Amino acid sequence: MGEANTDEFFCPNEACPDYGKKGKGNIVLKEHYGKQNTALLRCKTCKKTFSENRGTPFFGLHTPKETVLRAMAVLVEKGSIRGTARAMGVDKDSVALWLKRAGEHCEEVTEYLLRDLNLSQVQIDEIWTFVKKRTKI
């Protein structure tokens, strides 16, 4: 993971006055942990610590983030969990878990866009189409 840019993170503690606010200077790097050198961050306002992966599909996984991302890309090409598992040399249950987590995360993002940003489903579909096109460049 390397050195985390703490300005990109916000306090996930809903009781914290700085909850959800990026770039306030309240998030500091406490330490790194695990095989993947994941950053453990701390909010100076409420003193809570949290992983840089909290709130992402990667939280709690032992597999490197790059492997999961590569597997999702292969899944799009292969079209099957079993084929992706064979191509990646990983267990099919792992691929299924990663896909489930990615899908749940996409649902949360879509729900946020619908509810909090008051976008229509058509507008969200246009955003996802734009994102897909941009990632192919």
C-alpha atoms as a PDB file:
ATOM      1  CA  MET A   1       0.000   0.000   0.000  1.00  0.00           C
ATOM      2  CA  GLY A   2       2.886   2.365   0.621  1.00  0.00           C
ATOM      3  CA  GLU A   3       2.334   5.752   2.220  1.00  0.00           C
ATOM      4  CA  ALA A   4      -1.336   6.679   2.492  1.00  0.00           C
ATOM      5  CA  ASN A   5      -2.402  10.190   1.484  1.00  0.00           C
ATOM      6  CA  THR A   6      -4.431  11.035   4.572  1.00  0.00           C
ATOM      7  CA  ASP A   7      -6.242  13.914   2.811  1.00  0.00           C
ATOM      8  CA  GLU A   8      -8.175  11.295   0.831  1.00  0.00           C
ATOM      9  CA  PHE A   9      -9.733   9.805   3.978  1.00  0.00           C
ATOM     10  CA  PHE A  10     -12.422  10.934   6.391  1.00  0.00           C
ATOM     11  CA  CYS A  11     -13.459   9.770   9.839  1.00  0.00           C
ATOM     12  CA  PRO A  12     -15.972   6.901   9.522  1.00  0.00           C
ATOM     13  CA  ASN A  13     -17.276   7.473  13.066  1.00  0.00           C
ATOM     14  CA  GLU A  14     -20.769   8.969  12.679  1.00  0.00           C
ATOM     15  CA  ALA A  15     -20.537  10.478  16.181  1.00  0.00           C
ATOM     16  CA  CYS A  16     -17.400  12.464  15.244  1.00  0.00           C
ATOM     17  CA  PRO A  17     -17.805  16.177  14.392  1.00  0.00           C
ATOM     18  CA  ASP A  18     -15.490  15.575  11.412  1.00  0.00           C
ATOM     19  CA  TYR A  19     -17.410  12.544  10.108  1.00  0.00           C
ATOM     20  CA  GLY A  20     -17.390  12.428   6.316  1.00  0.00           C
ATOM     21  CA  LYS A  21     -15.178  15.511   5.909  1.00  0.00           C
ATOM     22  CA  LYS A  22     -12.078  15.044   3.752  1.00  0.00           C
ATOM     23  CA  GLY A  23      -8.980  17.204   3.940  1.00  0.00           C
ATOM     24  CA  LYS A  24      -9.605  18.567   7.457  1.00  0.00           C
ATOM     25  CA  GLY A  25      -6.158  17.499   8.685  1.00  0.00           C
ATOM     26  CA  ASN A  26      -7.709  15.336  11.398  1.00  0.00           C
ATOM     27  CA  ILE A  27      -6.655  11.987   9.863  1.00  0.00           C
ATOM     28  CA  VAL A  28      -3.125  10.798  10.625  1.00  0.00           C
ATOM     29  CA  LEU A  29      -1.225   7.631   9.856  1.00  0.00           C
ATOM     30  CA  LYS A  30      -0.909   5.598  13.042  1.00  0.00           C
ATOM     31  CA  GLU A  31       0.945   2.557  11.643  1.00  0.00           C
ATOM     32  CA  HIS A  32       0.952  -0.089   8.942  1.00  0.00           C
ATOM     33  CA  TYR A  33      -0.183  -3.661   9.518  1.00  0.00           C
ATOM     34  CA  GLY A  34      -0.489  -7.003   7.735  1.00  0.00           C
ATOM     35  CA  LYS A  35       1.289  -8.598   4.804  1.00  0.00           C
ATOM     36  CA  GLN A  36       0.028  -5.896   2.468  1.00  0.00           C
ATOM     37  CA  ASN A  37       1.292  -3.040   4.638  1.00  0.00           C
ATOM     38  CA  THR A  38      -2.219  -1.619   5.059  1.00  0.00           C
ATOM     39  CA  ALA A  39      -2.406   1.813   6.671  1.00  0.00           C
ATOM     40  CA  LEU A  40      -4.078   2.081  10.066  1.00  0.00           C
ATOM     41  CA  LEU A  41      -5.378   5.635  10.347  1.00  0.00           C
ATOM     42  CA  ARG A  42      -6.474   7.670  13.361  1.00  0.00           C
ATOM     43  CA  CYS A  43      -8.867  10.582  13.665  1.00  0.00           C
ATOM     44  CA  LYS A  44      -7.363  13.276  15.903  1.00  0.00           C
ATOM     45  CA  THR A  45     -10.838  14.652  16.643  1.00  0.00           C
ATOM     46  CA  CYS A  46     -12.493  11.541  18.116  1.00  0.00           C
ATOM     47  CA  LYS A  47      -9.368   9.337  18.564  1.00  0.00           C
ATOM     48  CA  LYS A  48     -10.918   6.399  16.628  1.00  0.00           C
ATOM     49  CA  THR A  49      -8.655   4.209  14.503  1.00  0.00           C
ATOM     50  CA  PHE A  50      -9.663   2.586  11.228  1.00  0.00           C
ATOM     51  CA  SER A  51      -8.159   0.751   8.281  1.00  0.00           C
ATOM     52  CA  GLU A  52      -7.604   2.472   4.952  1.00  0.00           C
ATOM     53  CA  ASN A  53      -9.719  -0.356   3.489  1.00  0.00           C
ATOM     54  CA  ARG A  54     -12.724   0.268   5.723  1.00  0.00           C
ATOM     55  CA  GLY A  55     -15.871   0.766   3.675  1.00  0.00           C
ATOM     56  CA  THR A  56     -14.369  -0.907   0.606  1.00  0.00           C
ATOM     57  CA  PRO A  57     -14.780  -4.398  -0.866  1.00  0.00           C
ATOM     58  CA  PHE A  58     -11.177  -5.085   0.210  1.00  0.00           C
ATOM     59  CA  PHE A  59     -11.741  -4.706   3.968  1.00  0.00           C
ATOM     60  CA  GLY A  60     -10.764  -7.865   5.837  1.00  0.00           C
ATOM     61  CA  LEU A  61      -9.450  -9.720   2.792  1.00  0.00           C
ATOM     62  CA  HIS A  62      -6.076 -11.450   2.958  1.00  0.00           C
ATOM     63  CA  THR A  63      -5.686 -11.387  -0.823  1.00  0.00           C
ATOM     64  CA  PRO A  64      -3.768  -8.448  -2.318  1.00  0.00           C
ATOM     65  CA  LYS A  65      -6.008  -5.738  -3.757  1.00  0.00           C
ATOM     66  CA  GLU A  66      -4.271  -6.049  -7.137  1.00  0.00           C
ATOM     67  CA  THR A  67      -5.188  -9.757  -7.344  1.00  0.00           C
ATOM     68  CA  VAL A  68      -8.851  -9.027  -6.639  1.00  0.00           C
ATOM     69  CA  LEU A  69      -8.933  -6.220  -9.209  1.00  0.00           C
ATOM     70  CA  ARG A  70      -7.226  -8.401 -11.809  1.00  0.00           C
ATOM     71  CA  ALA A  71      -9.722 -11.202 -11.090  1.00  0.00           C
ATOM     72  CA  MET A  72     -12.650  -8.822 -11.615  1.00  0.00           C
ATOM     73  CA  ALA A  73     -11.169  -7.758 -14.965  1.00  0.00           C
ATOM     74  CA  VAL A  74     -10.692 -11.412 -15.979  1.00  0.00           C
ATOM     75  CA  LEU A  75     -14.256 -12.164 -14.863  1.00  0.00           C
ATOM     76  CA  VAL A  76     -15.554  -9.542 -17.279  1.00  0.00           C
ATOM     77  CA  GLU A  77     -13.569 -11.178 -20.108  1.00  0.00           C
ATOM     78  CA  LYS A  78     -14.170 -14.841 -19.217  1.00  0.00           C
ATOM     79  CA  GLY A  79     -17.756 -14.395 -18.103  1.00  0.00           C
ATOM     80  CA  SER A  80     -17.636 -17.177 -15.526  1.00  0.00           C
ATOM     81  CA  ILE A  81     -16.483 -17.558 -11.958  1.00  0.00           C
ATOM     82  CA  ARG A  82     -14.974 -20.980 -12.606  1.00  0.00           C
ATOM     83  CA  GLY A  83     -13.080 -19.765 -15.713  1.00  0.00           C
ATOM     84  CA  THR A  84     -11.753 -16.765 -13.816  1.00  0.00           C
ATOM     85  CA  ALA A  85     -10.626 -18.959 -10.926  1.00  0.00           C
ATOM     86  CA  ARG A  86      -8.744 -21.262 -13.316  1.00  0.00           C
ATOM     87  CA  ALA A  87      -7.145 -18.345 -15.176  1.00  0.00           C
ATOM     88  CA  MET A  88      -6.085 -16.660 -11.924  1.00  0.00           C
ATOM     89  CA  GLY A  89      -5.047 -19.809 -10.075  1.00  0.00           C
ATOM     90  CA  VAL A  90      -7.378 -19.090  -7.154  1.00  0.00           C
ATOM     91  CA  ASP A  91     -10.346 -20.881  -5.618  1.00  0.00           C
ATOM     92  CA  LYS A  92     -13.731 -20.317  -7.276  1.00  0.00           C
ATOM     93  CA  ASP A  93     -15.253 -19.540  -3.874  1.00  0.00           C
ATOM     94  CA  SER A  94     -12.784 -16.655  -3.515  1.00  0.00           C
ATOM     95  CA  VAL A  95     -13.797 -15.236  -6.904  1.00  0.00           C
ATOM     96  CA  ALA A  96     -17.475 -15.593  -5.932  1.00  0.00           C
ATOM     97  CA  LEU A  97     -16.832 -13.753  -2.654  1.00  0.00           C
ATOM     98  CA  TRP A  98     -14.953 -10.933  -4.407  1.00  0.00           C
ATOM     99  CA  LEU A  99     -17.737 -10.592  -6.975  1.00  0.00           C
ATOM    100  CA  LYS A 100     -20.374 -10.505  -4.220  1.00  0.00           C
ATOM    101  CA  ARG A 101     -18.454  -7.803  -2.341  1.00  0.00           C
ATOM    102  CA  ALA A 102     -17.922  -5.753  -5.514  1.00  0.00           C
ATOM    103  CA  GLY A 103     -21.616  -6.024  -6.384  1.00  0.00           C
ATOM    104  CA  GLU A 104     -22.691  -4.974  -2.896  1.00  0.00           C
ATOM    105  CA  HIS A 105     -20.324  -2.006  -3.041  1.00  0.00           C
ATOM    106  CA  CYS A 106     -21.741  -0.959  -6.432  1.00  0.00           C
ATOM    107  CA  GLU A 107     -25.257  -1.198  -4.999  1.00  0.00           C
ATOM    108  CA  GLU A 108     -24.262   1.046  -2.079  1.00  0.00           C
ATOM    109  CA  VAL A 109     -22.748   3.625  -4.429  1.00  0.00           C
ATOM    110  CA  THR A 110     -25.825   3.536  -6.676  1.00  0.00           C
ATOM    111  CA  GLU A 111     -28.147   3.888  -3.679  1.00  0.00           C
ATOM    112  CA  TYR A 112     -26.120   6.873  -2.448  1.00  0.00           C
ATOM    113  CA  LEU A 113     -26.351   8.503  -5.874  1.00  0.00           C
ATOM    114  CA  LEU A 114     -30.113   7.907  -6.035  1.00  0.00           C
ATOM    115  CA  ARG A 115     -30.878   8.978  -2.468  1.00  0.00           C
ATOM    116  CA  ASP A 116     -28.356  11.635  -1.499  1.00  0.00           C
ATOM    117  CA  LEU A 117     -27.618  13.226  -4.867  1.00  0.00           C
ATOM    118  CA  ASN A 118     -31.180  12.890  -6.187  1.00  0.00           C
ATOM    119  CA  LEU A 119     -30.060  11.448  -9.509  1.00  0.00           C
ATOM    120  CA  SER A 120     -32.386   9.357 -11.650  1.00  0.00           C
ATOM    121  CA  GLN A 121     -31.601   5.757 -12.579  1.00  0.00           C
ATOM    122  CA  VAL A 122     -30.978   6.937 -16.165  1.00  0.00           C
ATOM    123  CA  GLN A 123     -28.419   9.505 -14.968  1.00  0.00           C
ATOM    124  CA  ILE A 124     -26.665   6.853 -12.879  1.00  0.00           C
ATOM    125  CA  ASP A 125     -26.580   4.475 -15.858  1.00  0.00           C
ATOM    126  CA  GLU A 126     -24.990   7.274 -17.898  1.00  0.00           C
ATOM    127  CA  ILE A 127     -22.358   7.772 -15.187  1.00  0.00           C
ATOM    128  CA  TRP A 128     -21.517   4.048 -15.119  1.00  0.00           C
ATOM    129  CA  THR A 129     -21.337   4.002 -18.947  1.00  0.00           C
ATOM    130  CA  PHE A 130     -18.969   6.984 -18.855  1.00  0.00           C
ATOM    131  CA  VAL A 131     -16.813   5.321 -16.194  1.00  0.00           C
ATOM    132  CA  LYS A 132     -16.634   2.096 -18.218  1.00  0.00           C
ATOM    133  CA  LYS A 133     -15.580   4.001 -21.349  1.00  0.00           C
ATOM    134  CA  ARG A 134     -12.909   5.949 -19.432  1.00  0.00           C
ATOM    135  CA  THR A 135     -11.366   2.783 -17.992  1.00  0.00           C
ATOM    136  CA  LYS A 136     -10.887   1.341 -21.495  1.00  0.00           C
ATOM    137  CA  ILE A 137      -8.642   4.220 -22.607  1.00  0.00           C
END
